[in-house]
């Protein structure tokens, strides 16, 4: 690799300390064994590296390349393609505000702008204490709960600027924060390890994940002919599945 700004070759990435390398190698072997082709393990191994450093560093790229028999260029191509892999240090809590069409119209743009001002950071920037990284996300795949904010990929539905600011204040202060649905919130590094394919061993975490949310199931109930069952929107507005 070459540092274009200096026109000089970049030094090889340093390796992990021996004890870290040994631990990650054992975890990597467990992940690789799940796949008939070791190359298929690259995505979870990138998450594994994130669980160590909070982002995919050059050291992490070197590690993945060595254990999978790939080049660092091949690993880098994947790590830079997917937005879930961070390329630099980030906060303990990744706060992503959906600014895609529906969420934006429902208030996502306003939430994002107010959070930038409230936290004093821009897109993909981290608060000085290293706790919160703010970013806009194109879609959180939860349009029926718009506007949606995600923290370390857990859902916070039907948000307002006020509720979002209160939530990040709790994160900054170290107070407990509970997602609207899904598993209990954990740090970004802990989330990365779960995404690497290792079980969430916190008590009650698996049971708390549940299934699809109430709003997501309305269409299914209509398809089953339950079109006039009374429902209540998450915002408390009484209606019926048939729209009456």
Protein backbone atom coordinates (compact mmCIF):
# COMPACT_ATOMS: atom_id res chain seq x y z
CA UNK A 1 0.00 0.00 0.00
CA UNK A 2 1.16 3.55 -0.73
CA UNK A 3 0.44 6.76 1.14
CA UNK A 4 -0.66 8.93 -1.81
CA UNK A 5 -0.24 12.18 0.12
CA UNK A 6 3.45 11.46 0.78
CA UNK A 7 4.24 9.24 -2.18
CA UNK A 8 5.81 6.72 0.19
CA UNK A 9 4.99 3.07 0.87
CA UNK A 10 2.82 2.52 3.95
CA UNK A 11 4.33 0.27 6.58
CA UNK A 12 2.70 -3.13 7.11
CA UNK A 13 -0.10 -3.12 9.67
CA UNK A 14 1.00 -4.14 13.17
CA UNK A 15 -0.26 -7.45 14.54
CA UNK A 16 -2.46 -7.82 17.60
CA UNK A 17 -0.69 -8.41 20.92
CA UNK A 18 0.06 -12.12 21.33
CA UNK A 19 -2.68 -12.81 23.89
CA UNK A 20 -5.29 -10.96 21.80
CA UNK A 21 -4.19 -12.72 18.63
CA UNK A 22 -4.45 -16.12 20.33
CA UNK A 23 -7.97 -15.41 21.61
CA UNK A 24 -9.21 -14.04 18.28
CA UNK A 25 -7.63 -16.93 16.39
CA UNK A 26 -9.56 -19.42 18.53
CA UNK A 27 -12.79 -17.52 17.92
CA UNK A 28 -12.02 -17.27 14.21
CA UNK A 29 -11.44 -21.03 13.95
CA UNK A 30 -14.89 -21.60 15.47
CA UNK A 31 -16.48 -19.25 12.94
CA UNK A 32 -14.61 -20.64 9.94
CA UNK A 33 -15.65 -24.19 10.84
CA UNK A 34 -19.28 -23.24 10.17
CA UNK A 35 -18.68 -22.76 6.45
CA UNK A 36 -17.74 -25.21 3.66
CA UNK A 37 -15.58 -22.46 2.11
CA UNK A 38 -13.47 -20.49 4.58
CA UNK A 39 -13.81 -17.32 2.49
CA UNK A 40 -17.48 -17.22 3.45
CA UNK A 41 -16.46 -16.46 7.02
CA UNK A 42 -15.10 -13.02 6.12
CA UNK A 43 -18.18 -11.01 7.12
CA UNK A 44 -18.48 -12.46 10.64
CA UNK A 45 -14.70 -12.22 11.09
CA UNK A 46 -14.84 -8.50 10.32
CA UNK A 47 -17.47 -8.18 13.05
CA UNK A 48 -15.19 -10.16 15.34
CA UNK A 49 -12.41 -7.64 14.75
CA UNK A 50 -14.85 -4.82 15.48
CA UNK A 51 -15.66 -6.45 18.79
CA UNK A 52 -11.99 -6.06 19.72
CA UNK A 53 -11.30 -2.47 18.66
CA UNK A 54 -14.70 -0.97 17.95
CA UNK A 55 -13.85 -0.62 14.26
CA UNK A 56 -12.08 -2.52 11.49
CA UNK A 57 -8.48 -1.38 11.72
CA UNK A 58 -5.59 -2.21 9.41
CA UNK A 59 -4.57 -4.77 12.03
CA UNK A 60 -8.03 -6.35 11.80
CA UNK A 61 -7.79 -6.46 8.02
CA UNK A 62 -4.39 -8.13 8.27
CA UNK A 63 -5.76 -10.68 10.73
CA UNK A 64 -8.73 -11.59 8.51
CA UNK A 65 -6.48 -11.91 5.47
CA UNK A 66 -4.01 -14.18 7.23
CA UNK A 67 -6.54 -16.57 8.78
CA UNK A 68 -8.55 -16.85 5.54
CA UNK A 69 -5.66 -16.95 3.09
CA UNK A 70 -6.79 -13.76 1.34
CA UNK A 71 -4.97 -10.59 0.38
CA UNK A 72 -5.45 -7.43 2.41
CA UNK A 73 -6.85 -5.84 -0.76
CA UNK A 74 -9.60 -8.47 -0.93
CA UNK A 75 -10.51 -7.94 2.72
CA UNK A 76 -10.42 -4.16 2.38
CA UNK A 77 -12.77 -4.32 -0.61
CA UNK A 78 -15.38 -6.02 1.57
CA UNK A 79 -14.79 -3.92 4.69
CA UNK A 80 -15.27 -0.69 2.74
CA UNK A 81 -18.38 -1.91 0.91
CA UNK A 82 -20.63 -2.51 3.93
CA UNK A 83 -21.57 0.44 6.11
CA UNK A 84 -21.86 -1.69 9.26
CA UNK A 85 -18.08 -1.89 9.36
CA UNK A 86 -16.52 1.19 10.91
CA UNK A 87 -13.20 2.31 9.44
CA UNK A 88 -12.17 4.48 12.37
CA UNK A 89 -12.72 4.72 16.13
CA UNK A 90 -16.34 5.27 17.08
CA UNK A 91 -18.47 5.57 20.17
CA UNK A 92 -19.82 2.95 22.52
CA UNK A 93 -23.25 3.69 21.08
CA UNK A 94 -23.86 4.10 17.36
CA UNK A 95 -26.96 6.31 17.01
CA UNK A 96 -28.36 6.02 13.50
CA UNK A 97 -31.24 8.24 12.38
CA UNK A 98 -33.20 7.08 9.35
CA UNK A 99 -33.40 9.89 6.81
CA UNK A 100 -34.89 7.89 3.96
CA UNK A 101 -38.10 9.12 2.38
CA UNK A 102 -40.82 8.03 4.80
CA UNK A 103 -38.85 8.59 7.99
CA UNK A 104 -37.65 11.95 6.66
CA UNK A 105 -41.21 13.08 5.93
CA UNK A 106 -42.39 11.84 9.32
CA UNK A 107 -39.69 13.79 11.15
CA UNK A 108 -36.39 11.95 10.66
CA UNK A 109 -34.67 14.94 9.09
CA UNK A 110 -35.69 17.13 12.03
CA UNK A 111 -34.47 14.53 14.52
CA UNK A 112 -31.10 14.28 12.80
CA UNK A 113 -30.60 18.05 12.65
CA UNK A 114 -31.56 18.53 16.29
CA UNK A 115 -29.31 15.68 17.44
CA UNK A 116 -26.36 17.20 15.57
CA UNK A 117 -26.90 20.49 17.36
CA UNK A 118 -27.67 18.84 20.71
CA UNK A 119 -24.57 16.60 20.65
CA UNK A 120 -22.32 19.11 18.93
CA UNK A 121 -21.22 16.61 16.28
CA UNK A 122 -21.75 16.08 12.57
CA UNK A 123 -22.53 12.98 10.57
CA UNK A 124 -20.22 10.07 11.49
CA UNK A 125 -18.69 12.08 14.31
CA UNK A 126 -18.31 11.06 17.95
CA UNK A 127 -18.87 13.00 21.14
CA UNK A 128 -15.65 14.02 22.95
CA UNK A 129 -16.25 11.45 25.71
CA UNK A 130 -16.29 8.65 23.13
CA UNK A 131 -19.78 7.48 24.05
CA UNK A 132 -22.02 8.39 21.10
CA UNK A 133 -21.41 8.38 17.36
CA UNK A 134 -24.14 9.97 15.26
CA UNK A 135 -24.93 9.03 11.68
CA UNK A 136 -27.79 9.21 9.23
CA UNK A 137 -28.95 5.90 7.78
CA UNK A 138 -30.72 5.46 4.48
CA UNK A 139 -33.22 2.90 5.77
CA UNK A 140 -33.71 1.07 9.04
CA UNK A 141 -36.24 -1.32 7.43
CA UNK A 142 -38.96 -0.32 9.88
CA UNK A 143 -41.09 2.12 7.87
CA UNK A 144 -44.26 1.22 9.76
CA UNK A 145 -42.70 2.74 12.90
CA UNK A 146 -41.39 5.92 11.26
CA UNK A 147 -39.50 7.94 12.22
CA UNK A 148 -37.04 5.36 13.54
CA UNK A 149 -33.71 5.71 15.32
CA UNK A 150 -31.40 2.77 15.91
CA UNK A 151 -28.78 2.45 18.63
CA UNK A 152 -26.27 -0.33 17.95
CA UNK A 153 -28.90 -1.77 15.58
CA UNK A 154 -31.68 -1.93 18.18
CA UNK A 155 -34.95 -0.15 17.38
CA UNK A 156 -36.28 3.06 18.89
CA UNK A 157 -39.63 3.52 17.15
CA UNK A 158 -41.91 6.52 16.59
CA UNK A 159 -39.30 9.00 17.73
CA UNK A 160 -39.53 12.77 18.07
CA UNK A 161 -36.68 15.27 18.44
CA UNK A 162 -37.49 15.47 22.16
CA UNK A 163 -37.52 11.72 22.77
CA UNK A 164 -34.33 11.23 20.73
CA UNK A 165 -32.50 13.94 22.67
CA UNK A 166 -33.65 12.45 25.97
CA UNK A 167 -32.41 9.05 24.83
CA UNK A 168 -28.91 10.26 23.92
CA UNK A 169 -28.74 12.22 27.18
CA UNK A 170 -29.36 8.96 29.02
CA UNK A 171 -26.63 7.24 27.01
CA UNK A 172 -24.17 10.02 27.79
CA UNK A 173 -25.05 9.91 31.48
CA UNK A 174 -24.76 6.12 31.69
CA UNK A 175 -28.43 5.67 32.55
CA UNK A 176 -30.28 2.52 31.40
CA UNK A 177 -31.85 2.82 27.95
CA UNK A 178 -34.35 0.28 26.66
CA UNK A 179 -35.16 -0.20 22.96
CA UNK A 180 -38.78 -0.11 21.88
CA UNK A 181 -38.52 -3.76 20.94
CA UNK A 182 -35.84 -6.38 20.54
CA UNK A 183 -32.92 -7.33 22.71
CA UNK A 184 -31.62 -5.20 25.59
CA UNK A 185 -29.13 -2.57 24.52
CA UNK A 186 -25.41 -3.37 24.74
CA UNK A 187 -22.25 -1.58 23.64
CA UNK A 188 -21.09 -1.46 20.05
CA UNK A 189 -18.25 -3.90 20.73
CA UNK A 190 -20.66 -6.33 22.41
CA UNK A 191 -23.06 -5.98 19.49
CA UNK A 192 -20.24 -6.72 17.05
CA UNK A 193 -19.43 -9.97 18.83
CA UNK A 194 -23.06 -11.06 18.62
CA UNK A 195 -23.09 -10.22 14.89
CA UNK A 196 -19.95 -12.33 14.52
CA UNK A 197 -22.12 -15.28 15.50
CA UNK A 198 -21.48 -15.69 19.21
CA UNK A 199 -24.48 -15.99 21.56
CA UNK A 200 -25.72 -13.10 23.65
CA UNK A 201 -25.19 -14.58 27.10
CA UNK A 202 -26.89 -11.82 29.08
CA UNK A 203 -29.77 -13.15 31.17
CA UNK A 204 -33.09 -12.84 29.35
CA UNK A 205 -31.56 -11.32 26.21
CA UNK A 206 -32.64 -14.08 23.83
CA UNK A 207 -36.17 -14.22 25.21
CA UNK A 208 -36.50 -10.45 24.84
CA UNK A 209 -35.86 -10.43 21.11
CA UNK A 210 -39.42 -11.51 20.31
CA UNK A 211 -40.87 -11.48 16.82
CA UNK A 212 -42.24 -8.87 14.46
CA UNK A 213 -43.75 -5.73 15.96
CA UNK A 214 -47.48 -5.12 16.14
CA UNK A 215 -47.58 -2.60 13.29
CA UNK A 216 -45.59 -4.93 11.03
CA UNK A 217 -48.23 -7.67 11.39
CA UNK A 218 -51.27 -5.58 10.41
CA UNK A 219 -50.96 -6.45 6.72
CA UNK A 220 -50.77 -10.16 7.55
CA UNK A 221 -53.92 -9.91 9.66
CA UNK A 222 -55.73 -8.14 6.85
CA UNK A 223 -54.67 -10.90 4.45
CA UNK A 224 -56.13 -13.43 6.86
CA UNK A 225 -59.48 -11.66 6.77
CA UNK A 226 -59.13 -9.98 10.15
CA UNK A 227 -59.68 -6.59 8.52
CA UNK A 228 -61.94 -5.09 11.14
CA UNK A 229 -60.17 -6.06 14.32
CA UNK A 230 -59.71 -2.96 16.40
CA UNK A 231 -56.09 -1.92 16.89
CA UNK A 232 -54.26 0.90 18.58
CA UNK A 233 -51.40 2.69 16.90
CA UNK A 234 -48.13 3.01 18.85
CA UNK A 235 -48.97 6.72 19.20
CA UNK A 236 -52.25 5.82 20.85
CA UNK A 237 -54.66 6.62 17.99
CA UNK A 238 -57.58 4.20 17.84
CA UNK A 239 -58.36 2.79 14.39
CA UNK A 240 -59.18 -0.50 12.67
CA UNK A 241 -57.15 -2.71 10.43
CA UNK A 242 -59.64 -1.99 7.66
CA UNK A 243 -58.90 1.72 7.90
CA UNK A 244 -62.38 2.64 9.24
